[in-house]
Amino acid sequence: MNIGERLKEERERIGLSQTALAQIGGVGKTTQIKYEKGSSSPDSAYLSAVSEEGVDIFYVLKGQRLGTPDAQALGLPVIEPGPDLVPVKMYDIEAAAGSGRSFEGEPIQTILQFPKSELAEQGLDAAQIVGVKVRGDSMLGTLDDGDWVLVNRGNRDPKQEGVFLLLVSGERRIKRVQRLAGGALYLISDNELYQPEMIKPQDMGDVEILGRCEIRIGRVV
């Protein structure tokens, strides 16, 4: 495979169209097509930009994968893309640079491959799943500092009591959520050292539920 073919493979691996990756790289779709056909070579500015979106630049240029350090640190194998595997972008919850409402444009810490069939068995749409690295000890016992959790952005309904990723006053937080009579939300930390927090209906404008935490990935201690 040449550079163009590997670039196309990486684009498809992270689930982006030619137009989308071209925009990220600061070029037009026609230029992207030329890159993938091998009739033109991407410059350093383009490669730097698409690497922030999760493109494995070393693989594109050299044809070798160095692996993902975070996957290895968790004891997970570095899995090559396959027909039943879907890429899930993994973000650090404290690395948000924008409003926090969307993960688009945020720095991707790593990309892990998950079997699409197994996600479907859990009732999860792979297109709605992102991974988030847990920070802090407020959910200790359920989610520990440094754990990864898969968040289903397709489920934002607090009527199903559970653990959710929320945006509270511009800050991403993971809390157990209960909806109270009258529309208030009760945010609970599983660590008993932290007091529950009530969000009154008149303060709901400062809160947005980003998705339900579904699957934990972490060390067994």
N, C-alpha and C. Protein backbone atom coordinates (compact mmCIF):
# COMPACT_ATOMS: atom_id res chain seq x y z
N MET A 1 0.84 -1.19 0.00
CA MET A 1 0.00 0.00 0.00
C MET A 1 0.88 1.24 0.00
N ASN A 2 0.43 2.28 -0.72
CA ASN A 2 1.18 3.53 -0.71
C ASN A 2 0.57 4.50 0.30
N ILE A 3 1.15 5.70 0.39
CA ILE A 3 0.70 6.67 1.38
C ILE A 3 -0.77 7.01 1.19
N GLY A 4 -1.18 7.22 -0.06
CA GLY A 4 -2.56 7.57 -0.34
C GLY A 4 -3.53 6.50 0.10
N GLU A 5 -3.19 5.25 -0.16
CA GLU A 5 -4.07 4.14 0.22
C GLU A 5 -4.16 4.02 1.74
N ARG A 6 -3.03 4.22 2.41
CA ARG A 6 -3.04 4.14 3.88
C ARG A 6 -3.81 5.32 4.48
N LEU A 7 -3.72 6.50 3.85
CA LEU A 7 -4.49 7.65 4.32
C LEU A 7 -5.98 7.36 4.20
N LYS A 8 -6.38 6.78 3.08
CA LYS A 8 -7.79 6.42 2.90
C LYS A 8 -8.22 5.41 3.95
N GLU A 9 -7.36 4.43 4.22
CA GLU A 9 -7.68 3.41 5.23
C GLU A 9 -7.88 4.05 6.60
N GLU A 10 -7.00 5.00 6.95
CA GLU A 10 -7.11 5.67 8.24
C GLU A 10 -8.40 6.52 8.30
N ARG A 11 -8.72 7.20 7.21
CA ARG A 11 -9.95 8.01 7.18
C ARG A 11 -11.17 7.14 7.41
N GLU A 12 -11.21 6.00 6.76
CA GLU A 12 -12.34 5.10 6.92
C GLU A 12 -12.35 4.48 8.31
N ARG A 13 -11.17 4.26 8.87
CA ARG A 13 -11.09 3.66 10.21
C ARG A 13 -11.73 4.56 11.26
N ILE A 14 -11.50 5.88 11.13
CA ILE A 14 -12.07 6.78 12.14
C ILE A 14 -13.44 7.31 11.74
N GLY A 15 -13.96 6.79 10.61
CA GLY A 15 -15.34 7.06 10.25
C GLY A 15 -15.62 8.43 9.68
N LEU A 16 -14.70 8.99 8.91
CA LEU A 16 -14.89 10.31 8.33
C LEU A 16 -15.01 10.24 6.82
N SER A 17 -15.80 11.14 6.25
CA SER A 17 -15.90 11.26 4.81
C SER A 17 -14.68 12.01 4.27
N GLN A 18 -14.50 11.98 2.96
CA GLN A 18 -13.40 12.74 2.36
C GLN A 18 -13.57 14.23 2.62
N THR A 19 -14.81 14.71 2.54
CA THR A 19 -15.08 16.13 2.78
C THR A 19 -14.72 16.52 4.21
N ALA A 20 -15.12 15.66 5.18
CA ALA A 20 -14.88 15.97 6.59
C ALA A 20 -13.39 16.01 6.91
N LEU A 21 -12.64 15.01 6.41
CA LEU A 21 -11.20 14.99 6.71
C LEU A 21 -10.48 16.13 5.99
N ALA A 22 -10.96 16.46 4.78
CA ALA A 22 -10.36 17.58 4.06
C ALA A 22 -10.52 18.87 4.84
N GLN A 23 -11.70 19.08 5.42
CA GLN A 23 -11.94 20.29 6.21
C GLN A 23 -11.04 20.33 7.43
N ILE A 24 -10.87 19.20 8.09
CA ILE A 24 -9.99 19.14 9.25
C ILE A 24 -8.55 19.47 8.86
N GLY A 25 -8.14 18.97 7.69
CA GLY A 25 -6.78 19.19 7.23
C GLY A 25 -6.56 20.53 6.57
N GLY A 26 -7.64 21.31 6.41
CA GLY A 26 -7.50 22.63 5.82
C GLY A 26 -7.33 22.64 4.32
N VAL A 27 -7.86 21.59 3.66
CA VAL A 27 -7.78 21.52 2.19
C VAL A 27 -9.17 21.26 1.64
N GLY A 28 -9.28 21.29 0.32
CA GLY A 28 -10.55 21.00 -0.33
C GLY A 28 -10.72 19.51 -0.58
N LYS A 29 -11.95 19.12 -0.92
CA LYS A 29 -12.23 17.70 -1.17
C LYS A 29 -11.41 17.19 -2.36
N THR A 30 -11.24 18.03 -3.38
CA THR A 30 -10.46 17.61 -4.55
C THR A 30 -9.02 17.28 -4.16
N THR A 31 -8.45 18.08 -3.28
CA THR A 31 -7.08 17.82 -2.81
C THR A 31 -7.03 16.52 -2.01
N GLN A 32 -8.06 16.29 -1.19
CA GLN A 32 -8.13 15.05 -0.42
C GLN A 32 -8.16 13.84 -1.36
N ILE A 33 -8.95 13.93 -2.41
CA ILE A 33 -9.04 12.84 -3.38
C ILE A 33 -7.67 12.59 -4.03
N LYS A 34 -6.97 13.67 -4.35
CA LYS A 34 -5.63 13.53 -4.94
C LYS A 34 -4.67 12.86 -3.97
N TYR A 35 -4.76 13.24 -2.68
CA TYR A 35 -3.91 12.60 -1.67
C TYR A 35 -4.15 11.10 -1.66
N GLU A 36 -5.42 10.71 -1.66
CA GLU A 36 -5.76 9.29 -1.52
C GLU A 36 -5.43 8.51 -2.80
N LYS A 37 -5.46 9.17 -3.93
CA LYS A 37 -5.09 8.51 -5.19
C LYS A 37 -3.58 8.44 -5.38
N GLY A 38 -2.85 9.23 -4.59
CA GLY A 38 -1.41 9.23 -4.70
C GLY A 38 -0.86 10.17 -5.75
N SER A 39 -1.74 11.00 -6.33
CA SER A 39 -1.28 11.94 -7.34
C SER A 39 -0.72 13.22 -6.73
N SER A 40 -0.90 13.38 -5.42
CA SER A 40 -0.35 14.52 -4.70
C SER A 40 -0.03 14.07 -3.28
N SER A 41 0.93 14.74 -2.65
CA SER A 41 1.36 14.34 -1.30
C SER A 41 0.95 15.38 -0.27
N PRO A 42 0.41 14.94 0.87
CA PRO A 42 0.02 15.89 1.93
C PRO A 42 1.23 16.56 2.54
N ASP A 43 1.06 17.83 2.93
CA ASP A 43 2.16 18.55 3.57
C ASP A 43 2.08 18.40 5.08
N SER A 44 3.05 18.97 5.78
CA SER A 44 3.14 18.79 7.24
C SER A 44 1.98 19.43 7.97
N ALA A 45 1.48 20.56 7.46
CA ALA A 45 0.36 21.23 8.13
C ALA A 45 -0.89 20.35 8.09
N TYR A 46 -1.13 19.73 6.95
CA TYR A 46 -2.27 18.82 6.82
C TYR A 46 -2.11 17.62 7.76
N LEU A 47 -0.94 17.01 7.73
CA LEU A 47 -0.71 15.82 8.56
C LEU A 47 -0.84 16.14 10.04
N SER A 48 -0.34 17.29 10.45
CA SER A 48 -0.45 17.69 11.85
C SER A 48 -1.90 17.86 12.26
N ALA A 49 -2.70 18.47 11.36
CA ALA A 49 -4.10 18.73 11.68
C ALA A 49 -4.90 17.43 11.78
N VAL A 50 -4.72 16.51 10.83
CA VAL A 50 -5.52 15.28 10.85
C VAL A 50 -5.07 14.34 11.96
N SER A 51 -3.82 14.48 12.39
CA SER A 51 -3.36 13.64 13.50
C SER A 51 -4.12 13.96 14.78
N GLU A 52 -4.57 15.23 14.93
CA GLU A 52 -5.35 15.62 16.10
C GLU A 52 -6.72 14.95 16.10
N GLU A 53 -7.16 14.51 14.93
CA GLU A 53 -8.47 13.84 14.81
C GLU A 53 -8.33 12.33 14.98
N GLY A 54 -7.09 11.85 15.15
CA GLY A 54 -6.89 10.43 15.41
C GLY A 54 -6.24 9.65 14.28
N VAL A 55 -5.89 10.33 13.17
CA VAL A 55 -5.21 9.64 12.08
C VAL A 55 -3.80 9.24 12.54
N ASP A 56 -3.45 7.98 12.33
CA ASP A 56 -2.13 7.47 12.71
C ASP A 56 -1.14 7.88 11.62
N ILE A 57 -0.47 9.02 11.83
CA ILE A 57 0.40 9.58 10.82
C ILE A 57 1.63 8.69 10.57
N PHE A 58 2.14 8.08 11.61
CA PHE A 58 3.30 7.19 11.44
C PHE A 58 2.93 6.03 10.51
N TYR A 59 1.73 5.51 10.68
CA TYR A 59 1.27 4.42 9.81
C TYR A 59 1.10 4.92 8.38
N VAL A 60 0.51 6.11 8.21
CA VAL A 60 0.31 6.67 6.87
C VAL A 60 1.64 6.81 6.14
N LEU A 61 2.64 7.31 6.82
CA LEU A 61 3.92 7.60 6.19
C LEU A 61 4.83 6.37 6.07
N LYS A 62 4.81 5.52 7.10
CA LYS A 62 5.77 4.42 7.17
C LYS A 62 5.15 3.04 6.97
N GLY A 63 3.82 2.95 7.11
CA GLY A 63 3.18 1.65 6.94
C GLY A 63 3.30 0.76 8.15
N GLN A 64 3.67 1.33 9.30
CA GLN A 64 3.81 0.56 10.53
C GLN A 64 3.01 1.25 11.64
N ARG A 65 2.41 0.44 12.48
CA ARG A 65 1.66 0.97 13.61
C ARG A 65 2.49 0.83 14.88
N LEU A 66 2.59 1.92 15.61
CA LEU A 66 3.33 1.89 16.87
C LEU A 66 2.46 1.42 18.02
N GLY A 67 1.13 1.34 17.79
CA GLY A 67 0.22 0.95 18.86
C GLY A 67 -0.26 2.16 19.62
N THR A 68 -1.25 1.96 20.45
CA THR A 68 -1.82 3.04 21.25
C THR A 68 -1.42 2.85 22.70
N PRO A 69 -0.63 3.76 23.29
CA PRO A 69 -0.12 3.58 24.65
C PRO A 69 -1.21 3.34 25.68
N ASP A 70 -2.35 4.05 25.53
CA ASP A 70 -3.39 3.89 26.55
C ASP A 70 -4.02 2.51 26.48
N ALA A 71 -4.15 1.96 25.29
CA ALA A 71 -4.67 0.61 25.17
C ALA A 71 -3.72 -0.38 25.84
N GLN A 72 -2.43 -0.20 25.59
CA GLN A 72 -1.45 -1.10 26.18
C GLN A 72 -1.41 -0.95 27.70
N ALA A 73 -1.55 0.27 28.19
CA ALA A 73 -1.52 0.50 29.63
C ALA A 73 -2.69 -0.18 30.32
N LEU A 74 -3.81 -0.32 29.60
CA LEU A 74 -4.97 -0.99 30.18
C LEU A 74 -4.88 -2.50 30.02
N GLY A 75 -3.81 -2.97 29.38
CA GLY A 75 -3.69 -4.40 29.16
C GLY A 75 -4.51 -4.88 27.99
N LEU A 76 -4.95 -3.95 27.12
CA LEU A 76 -5.75 -4.31 25.96
C LEU A 76 -4.84 -4.52 24.76
N PRO A 77 -5.19 -5.47 23.89
CA PRO A 77 -4.37 -5.65 22.69
C PRO A 77 -4.58 -4.51 21.72
N VAL A 78 -3.56 -4.21 20.93
CA VAL A 78 -3.69 -3.24 19.85
C VAL A 78 -4.29 -3.98 18.67
N ILE A 79 -5.54 -3.68 18.35
CA ILE A 79 -6.30 -4.44 17.36
C ILE A 79 -6.29 -3.70 16.03
N GLU A 80 -5.95 -4.42 14.98
CA GLU A 80 -5.99 -3.84 13.65
C GLU A 80 -7.45 -3.72 13.21
N PRO A 81 -7.77 -2.73 12.37
CA PRO A 81 -9.14 -2.56 11.88
C PRO A 81 -9.60 -3.82 11.15
N GLY A 82 -10.87 -4.16 11.30
CA GLY A 82 -11.46 -5.30 10.63
C GLY A 82 -12.89 -5.01 10.27
N PRO A 83 -13.53 -5.91 9.52
CA PRO A 83 -14.89 -5.64 9.04
C PRO A 83 -15.93 -5.50 10.14
N ASP A 84 -15.73 -6.18 11.28
CA ASP A 84 -16.72 -6.10 12.36
C ASP A 84 -16.28 -5.12 13.45
N LEU A 85 -15.16 -4.46 13.24
CA LEU A 85 -14.65 -3.55 14.27
C LEU A 85 -14.97 -2.11 13.92
N VAL A 86 -15.34 -1.35 14.94
CA VAL A 86 -15.63 0.07 14.74
C VAL A 86 -14.72 0.89 15.66
N PRO A 87 -14.24 2.02 15.17
CA PRO A 87 -13.36 2.86 16.00
C PRO A 87 -14.18 3.69 16.98
N VAL A 88 -13.75 3.74 18.22
CA VAL A 88 -14.38 4.59 19.23
C VAL A 88 -13.33 5.59 19.71
N LYS A 89 -13.62 6.85 19.54
CA LYS A 89 -12.69 7.90 19.94
C LYS A 89 -12.72 8.06 21.45
N MET A 90 -11.54 8.14 22.06
CA MET A 90 -11.42 8.22 23.50
C MET A 90 -10.86 9.59 23.88
N TYR A 91 -11.59 10.28 24.75
CA TYR A 91 -11.24 11.64 25.13
C TYR A 91 -10.93 11.70 26.62
N ASP A 92 -10.06 12.64 26.99
CA ASP A 92 -9.81 12.92 28.39
C ASP A 92 -10.85 13.95 28.84
N ILE A 93 -11.59 13.64 29.88
CA ILE A 93 -12.68 14.51 30.32
C ILE A 93 -12.19 15.89 30.72
N GLU A 94 -10.91 16.01 31.11
CA GLU A 94 -10.38 17.30 31.53
C GLU A 94 -9.67 18.05 30.39
N ALA A 95 -9.67 17.46 29.20
CA ALA A 95 -8.93 18.08 28.10
C ALA A 95 -9.82 18.94 27.22
N ALA A 96 -11.06 19.17 27.64
CA ALA A 96 -11.99 19.94 26.81
C ALA A 96 -11.47 21.36 26.61
N ALA A 97 -11.48 21.77 25.36
CA ALA A 97 -11.00 23.11 25.05
C ALA A 97 -12.14 24.05 24.69
N GLY A 98 -13.30 23.45 24.34
CA GLY A 98 -14.44 24.26 23.91
C GLY A 98 -15.52 24.33 24.97
N SER A 99 -16.76 24.41 24.50
CA SER A 99 -17.89 24.56 25.41
C SER A 99 -18.22 23.27 26.13
N GLY A 100 -17.71 22.14 25.58
CA GLY A 100 -18.01 20.86 26.21
C GLY A 100 -19.27 20.21 25.69
N ARG A 101 -20.06 20.93 24.90
CA ARG A 101 -21.32 20.36 24.41
C ARG A 101 -21.07 19.32 23.33
N SER A 102 -20.00 19.48 22.58
CA SER A 102 -19.68 18.55 21.51
C SER A 102 -18.24 18.12 21.66
N PHE A 103 -17.96 16.89 21.22
CA PHE A 103 -16.59 16.39 21.28
C PHE A 103 -15.84 16.70 20.00
N GLU A 104 -16.55 17.18 18.97
CA GLU A 104 -15.89 17.48 17.71
C GLU A 104 -14.81 18.54 17.92
N GLY A 105 -13.65 18.28 17.41
CA GLY A 105 -12.55 19.22 17.53
C GLY A 105 -11.73 19.07 18.80
N GLU A 106 -12.19 18.23 19.75
CA GLU A 106 -11.43 18.02 20.97
C GLU A 106 -10.26 17.07 20.68
N PRO A 107 -9.17 17.20 21.43
CA PRO A 107 -8.03 16.30 21.21
C PRO A 107 -8.39 14.86 21.59
N ILE A 108 -8.11 13.94 20.69
CA ILE A 108 -8.38 12.53 20.91
C ILE A 108 -7.15 11.91 21.55
N GLN A 109 -7.34 11.26 22.71
CA GLN A 109 -6.19 10.67 23.39
C GLN A 109 -5.79 9.35 22.74
N THR A 110 -6.77 8.58 22.31
CA THR A 110 -6.49 7.34 21.59
C THR A 110 -7.77 6.89 20.92
N ILE A 111 -7.66 5.90 20.07
CA ILE A 111 -8.82 5.28 19.43
C ILE A 111 -8.75 3.79 19.69
N LEU A 112 -9.82 3.23 20.22
CA LEU A 112 -9.89 1.80 20.46
C LEU A 112 -10.90 1.19 19.50
N GLN A 113 -10.63 -0.05 19.09
CA GLN A 113 -11.52 -0.77 18.18
C GLN A 113 -12.41 -1.71 19.01
N PHE A 114 -13.71 -1.67 18.74
CA PHE A 114 -14.66 -2.54 19.43
C PHE A 114 -15.48 -3.32 18.41
N PRO A 115 -15.81 -4.58 18.71
CA PRO A 115 -16.67 -5.34 17.80
C PRO A 115 -18.06 -4.71 17.74
N LYS A 116 -18.50 -4.37 16.54
CA LYS A 116 -19.80 -3.75 16.36
C LYS A 116 -20.92 -4.65 16.84
N SER A 117 -20.77 -5.96 16.63
CA SER A 117 -21.81 -6.90 17.03
C SER A 117 -21.98 -6.94 18.54
N GLU A 118 -20.85 -6.84 19.27
CA GLU A 118 -20.95 -6.88 20.73
C GLU A 118 -21.58 -5.61 21.28
N LEU A 119 -21.27 -4.47 20.68
CA LEU A 119 -21.93 -3.23 21.09
C LEU A 119 -23.43 -3.32 20.83
N ALA A 120 -23.79 -3.91 19.66
CA ALA A 120 -25.21 -4.05 19.32
C ALA A 120 -25.92 -4.96 20.31
N GLU A 121 -25.23 -5.99 20.79
CA GLU A 121 -25.84 -6.89 21.78
C GLU A 121 -26.16 -6.15 23.07
N GLN A 122 -25.40 -5.09 23.36
CA GLN A 122 -25.66 -4.27 24.55
C GLN A 122 -26.67 -3.16 24.26
N GLY A 123 -27.24 -3.18 23.05
CA GLY A 123 -28.22 -2.17 22.68
C GLY A 123 -27.59 -0.83 22.35
N LEU A 124 -26.32 -0.84 21.95
CA LEU A 124 -25.60 0.40 21.70
C LEU A 124 -25.34 0.60 20.22
N ASP A 125 -25.59 1.80 19.75
CA ASP A 125 -25.28 2.19 18.38
C ASP A 125 -23.85 2.73 18.36
N ALA A 126 -22.98 2.06 17.63
CA ALA A 126 -21.56 2.44 17.63
C ALA A 126 -21.36 3.89 17.23
N ALA A 127 -22.24 4.41 16.39
CA ALA A 127 -22.09 5.80 15.93
C ALA A 127 -22.34 6.80 17.05
N GLN A 128 -23.00 6.37 18.12
CA GLN A 128 -23.34 7.26 19.23
C GLN A 128 -22.41 7.11 20.43
N ILE A 129 -21.37 6.28 20.29
CA ILE A 129 -20.51 5.97 21.43
C ILE A 129 -19.21 6.77 21.37
N VAL A 130 -18.84 7.36 22.50
CA VAL A 130 -17.51 7.94 22.68
C VAL A 130 -16.95 7.41 23.99
N GLY A 131 -15.64 7.41 24.08
CA GLY A 131 -15.00 7.01 25.33
C GLY A 131 -14.50 8.24 26.07
N VAL A 132 -14.63 8.21 27.39
CA VAL A 132 -14.20 9.33 28.22
C VAL A 132 -13.33 8.80 29.35
N LYS A 133 -12.22 9.46 29.60
CA LYS A 133 -11.34 9.09 30.71
C LYS A 133 -11.81 9.78 31.98
N VAL A 134 -12.07 8.99 33.00
CA VAL A 134 -12.61 9.51 34.26
C VAL A 134 -11.50 10.20 35.05
N ARG A 135 -11.85 11.33 35.63
CA ARG A 135 -10.92 12.08 36.47
C ARG A 135 -11.54 12.32 37.84
N GLY A 136 -10.74 12.17 38.89
CA GLY A 136 -11.22 12.44 40.24
C GLY A 136 -11.78 11.21 40.91
N ASP A 137 -12.18 11.37 42.18
CA ASP A 137 -12.64 10.23 42.98
C ASP A 137 -14.09 10.36 43.41
N SER A 138 -14.86 11.23 42.77
CA SER A 138 -16.24 11.44 43.23
C SER A 138 -17.12 10.23 42.97
N MET A 139 -16.75 9.38 41.99
CA MET A 139 -17.54 8.18 41.70
C MET A 139 -16.79 6.93 42.13
N LEU A 140 -15.90 7.08 43.10
CA LEU A 140 -15.05 5.99 43.56
C LEU A 140 -15.87 4.75 43.90
N GLY A 141 -15.42 3.61 43.39
CA GLY A 141 -16.13 2.37 43.61
C GLY A 141 -16.95 1.97 42.40
N THR A 142 -17.47 2.97 41.70
CA THR A 142 -18.19 2.72 40.46
C THR A 142 -17.30 3.03 39.27
N LEU A 143 -16.70 4.21 39.29
CA LEU A 143 -15.73 4.63 38.28
C LEU A 143 -14.56 5.28 39.00
N ASP A 144 -13.39 4.70 38.85
CA ASP A 144 -12.22 5.20 39.56
C ASP A 144 -11.42 6.15 38.68
N ASP A 145 -10.62 6.97 39.31
CA ASP A 145 -9.76 7.91 38.60
C ASP A 145 -8.87 7.14 37.62
N GLY A 146 -8.90 7.55 36.34
CA GLY A 146 -8.10 6.89 35.32
C GLY A 146 -8.83 5.83 34.54
N ASP A 147 -10.03 5.43 34.99
CA ASP A 147 -10.84 4.48 34.23
C ASP A 147 -11.30 5.12 32.92
N TRP A 148 -11.64 4.28 31.97
CA TRP A 148 -12.34 4.72 30.77
C TRP A 148 -13.80 4.30 30.89
N VAL A 149 -14.69 5.06 30.33
CA VAL A 149 -16.09 4.68 30.30
C VAL A 149 -16.65 5.01 28.92
N LEU A 150 -17.43 4.08 28.37
CA LEU A 150 -18.09 4.31 27.09
C LEU A 150 -19.41 5.02 27.35
N VAL A 151 -19.60 6.14 26.69
CA VAL A 151 -20.78 6.99 26.90
C VAL A 151 -21.68 6.90 25.67
N ASN A 152 -22.93 6.59 25.92
CA ASN A 152 -23.93 6.51 24.86
C ASN A 152 -24.61 7.86 24.70
N ARG A 153 -24.21 8.60 23.67
CA ARG A 153 -24.79 9.93 23.45
C ARG A 153 -26.23 9.85 22.95
N GLY A 154 -26.67 8.65 22.58
CA GLY A 154 -28.05 8.47 22.14
C GLY A 154 -29.04 8.33 23.28
N ASN A 155 -28.56 8.26 24.51
CA ASN A 155 -29.44 8.13 25.67
C ASN A 155 -29.14 9.27 26.64
N ARG A 156 -30.02 10.26 26.63
CA ARG A 156 -29.84 11.42 27.51
C ARG A 156 -31.04 11.61 28.42
N ASP A 157 -31.80 10.55 28.61
CA ASP A 157 -33.04 10.64 29.38
C ASP A 157 -32.80 10.26 30.83
N PRO A 158 -32.86 11.23 31.75
CA PRO A 158 -32.60 10.92 33.16
C PRO A 158 -33.73 10.15 33.83
N LYS A 159 -34.84 9.91 33.11
CA LYS A 159 -35.91 9.09 33.69
C LYS A 159 -35.40 7.69 33.97
N GLN A 160 -34.43 7.24 33.15
CA GLN A 160 -33.74 5.99 33.43
C GLN A 160 -32.60 6.31 34.40
N GLU A 161 -32.80 6.04 35.64
CA GLU A 161 -31.76 6.38 36.62
C GLU A 161 -30.48 5.64 36.28
N GLY A 162 -29.38 6.34 36.36
CA GLY A 162 -28.09 5.75 36.05
C GLY A 162 -27.00 6.78 36.17
N VAL A 163 -25.83 6.44 35.65
CA VAL A 163 -24.69 7.34 35.70
C VAL A 163 -24.59 8.03 34.34
N PHE A 164 -24.49 9.35 34.37
CA PHE A 164 -24.50 10.14 33.14
C PHE A 164 -23.29 11.06 33.09
N LEU A 165 -22.89 11.38 31.87
CA LEU A 165 -21.93 12.46 31.63
C LEU A 165 -22.74 13.72 31.40
N LEU A 166 -22.46 14.74 32.21
CA LEU A 166 -23.22 15.99 32.15
C LEU A 166 -22.30 17.16 31.89
N LEU A 167 -22.91 18.22 31.42
CA LEU A 167 -22.24 19.52 31.32
C LEU A 167 -22.91 20.42 32.34
N VAL A 168 -22.18 20.80 33.37
CA VAL A 168 -22.72 21.63 34.45
C VAL A 168 -21.91 22.92 34.51
N SER A 169 -22.56 24.00 34.14
CA SER A 169 -21.90 25.32 34.11
C SER A 169 -20.60 25.28 33.31
N GLY A 170 -20.64 24.59 32.16
CA GLY A 170 -19.49 24.53 31.27
C GLY A 170 -18.45 23.49 31.61
N GLU A 171 -18.69 22.70 32.66
CA GLU A 171 -17.72 21.69 33.10
C GLU A 171 -18.31 20.30 32.92
N ARG A 172 -17.54 19.40 32.30
CA ARG A 172 -18.00 18.03 32.16
C ARG A 172 -17.83 17.29 33.48
N ARG A 173 -18.91 16.61 33.89
CA ARG A 173 -18.88 15.86 35.14
C ARG A 173 -19.63 14.54 34.95
N ILE A 174 -19.23 13.53 35.71
CA ILE A 174 -19.91 12.25 35.70
C ILE A 174 -20.58 12.07 37.06
N LYS A 175 -21.90 11.89 37.02
CA LYS A 175 -22.67 11.75 38.26
C LYS A 175 -23.80 10.75 38.06
N ARG A 176 -24.25 10.17 39.17
CA ARG A 176 -25.48 9.39 39.16
C ARG A 176 -26.65 10.39 39.20
N VAL A 177 -27.60 10.22 38.31
CA VAL A 177 -28.66 11.21 38.14
C VAL A 177 -30.02 10.62 38.47
N GLN A 178 -30.80 11.35 39.25
CA GLN A 178 -32.20 11.02 39.53
C GLN A 178 -33.04 12.25 39.20
N ARG A 179 -34.16 12.01 38.52
CA ARG A 179 -35.09 13.11 38.26
C ARG A 179 -36.12 13.15 39.38
N LEU A 180 -36.31 14.32 39.97
CA LEU A 180 -37.24 14.49 41.08
C LEU A 180 -38.55 15.09 40.59
N ALA A 181 -39.55 15.00 41.43
CA ALA A 181 -40.84 15.59 41.11
C ALA A 181 -40.66 17.09 40.87
N GLY A 182 -41.32 17.59 39.85
CA GLY A 182 -41.22 19.00 39.54
C GLY A 182 -40.13 19.33 38.53
N GLY A 183 -39.34 18.30 38.12
CA GLY A 183 -38.34 18.52 37.09
C GLY A 183 -36.94 18.79 37.59
N ALA A 184 -36.73 18.78 38.90
CA ALA A 184 -35.37 18.98 39.42
C ALA A 184 -34.52 17.73 39.19
N LEU A 185 -33.23 17.90 39.19
CA LEU A 185 -32.30 16.78 39.06
C LEU A 185 -31.49 16.65 40.34
N TYR A 186 -31.25 15.42 40.72
CA TYR A 186 -30.46 15.11 41.91
C TYR A 186 -29.17 14.45 41.42
N LEU A 187 -28.03 15.11 41.64
CA LEU A 187 -26.74 14.60 41.19
C LEU A 187 -26.03 13.96 42.36
N ILE A 188 -25.72 12.69 42.23
CA ILE A 188 -25.18 11.92 43.34
C ILE A 188 -23.77 11.44 43.01
N SER A 189 -22.85 11.64 43.95
CA SER A 189 -21.51 11.07 43.86
C SER A 189 -21.50 9.76 44.64
N ASP A 190 -21.02 8.68 44.02
CA ASP A 190 -21.01 7.38 44.70
C ASP A 190 -20.00 7.35 45.84
N ASN A 191 -19.05 8.27 45.84
CA ASN A 191 -18.13 8.43 46.96
C ASN A 191 -18.86 9.20 48.06
N GLU A 192 -19.04 8.59 49.21
CA GLU A 192 -19.82 9.19 50.29
C GLU A 192 -19.19 10.45 50.85
N LEU A 193 -17.95 10.72 50.50
CA LEU A 193 -17.32 11.95 50.99
C LEU A 193 -17.88 13.19 50.31
N TYR A 194 -18.59 12.99 49.19
CA TYR A 194 -19.16 14.11 48.45
C TYR A 194 -20.67 14.17 48.67
N GLN A 195 -21.17 15.36 48.93
CA GLN A 195 -22.60 15.54 49.16
C GLN A 195 -23.36 15.61 47.84
N PRO A 196 -24.58 15.07 47.84
CA PRO A 196 -25.42 15.18 46.63
C PRO A 196 -25.71 16.64 46.32
N GLU A 197 -26.06 16.90 45.08
CA GLU A 197 -26.35 18.26 44.62
C GLU A 197 -27.69 18.27 43.92
N MET A 198 -28.52 19.23 44.26
CA MET A 198 -29.82 19.35 43.61
C MET A 198 -29.79 20.51 42.61
N ILE A 199 -30.22 20.21 41.39
CA ILE A 199 -30.35 21.24 40.36
C ILE A 199 -31.83 21.59 40.25
N LYS A 200 -32.19 22.79 40.66
CA LYS A 200 -33.58 23.20 40.64
C LYS A 200 -34.03 23.47 39.20
N PRO A 201 -35.34 23.36 38.94
CA PRO A 201 -35.84 23.58 37.57
C PRO A 201 -35.40 24.92 36.98
N GLN A 202 -35.36 25.96 37.80
CA GLN A 202 -34.98 27.27 37.27
C GLN A 202 -33.50 27.36 36.92
N ASP A 203 -32.70 26.37 37.38
CA ASP A 203 -31.27 26.37 37.09
C ASP A 203 -30.90 25.37 35.99
N MET A 204 -31.89 24.74 35.37
CA MET A 204 -31.63 23.71 34.38
C MET A 204 -30.95 24.24 33.13
N GLY A 205 -31.00 25.54 32.92
CA GLY A 205 -30.32 26.11 31.76
C GLY A 205 -28.82 25.96 31.82
N ASP A 206 -28.28 25.71 33.02
CA ASP A 206 -26.84 25.52 33.18
C ASP A 206 -26.41 24.07 33.09
N VAL A 207 -27.39 23.18 32.82
CA VAL A 207 -27.10 21.74 32.83
C VAL A 207 -27.54 21.10 31.52
N GLU A 208 -26.69 20.25 30.98
CA GLU A 208 -27.06 19.46 29.80
C GLU A 208 -26.54 18.04 29.99
N ILE A 209 -27.40 17.07 29.77
CA ILE A 209 -26.99 15.67 29.84
C ILE A 209 -26.41 15.28 28.49
N LEU A 210 -25.15 14.84 28.48
CA LEU A 210 -24.44 14.53 27.24
C LEU A 210 -24.55 13.07 26.84
N GLY A 211 -24.87 12.20 27.80
CA GLY A 211 -25.00 10.78 27.47
C GLY A 211 -24.92 9.92 28.71
N ARG A 212 -25.39 8.69 28.56
CA ARG A 212 -25.41 7.74 29.68
C ARG A 212 -24.14 6.89 29.65
N CYS A 213 -23.50 6.75 30.80
CA CYS A 213 -22.30 5.91 30.93
C CYS A 213 -22.72 4.44 30.95
N GLU A 214 -22.21 3.68 29.99
CA GLU A 214 -22.71 2.32 29.80
C GLU A 214 -21.70 1.24 30.18
N ILE A 215 -20.45 1.38 29.75
CA ILE A 215 -19.47 0.31 29.94
C ILE A 215 -18.19 0.89 30.52
N ARG A 216 -17.73 0.31 31.60
CA ARG A 216 -16.50 0.74 32.25
C ARG A 216 -15.34 -0.10 31.78
N ILE A 217 -14.20 0.53 31.53
CA ILE A 217 -12.95 -0.16 31.21
C ILE A 217 -11.92 0.30 32.23
N GLY A 218 -11.46 -0.59 33.05
CA GLY A 218 -10.51 -0.19 34.07
C GLY A 218 -9.80 -1.40 34.65
N ARG A 219 -8.86 -1.13 35.52
CA ARG A 219 -8.08 -2.19 36.13
C ARG A 219 -8.87 -2.88 37.26
N VAL A 220 -8.64 -4.15 37.40
CA VAL A 220 -9.18 -4.91 38.52
C VAL A 220 -8.15 -4.85 39.64
N VAL A 221 -8.57 -4.34 40.82
CA VAL A 221 -7.63 -4.21 41.94
C VAL A 221 -8.15 -4.99 43.14
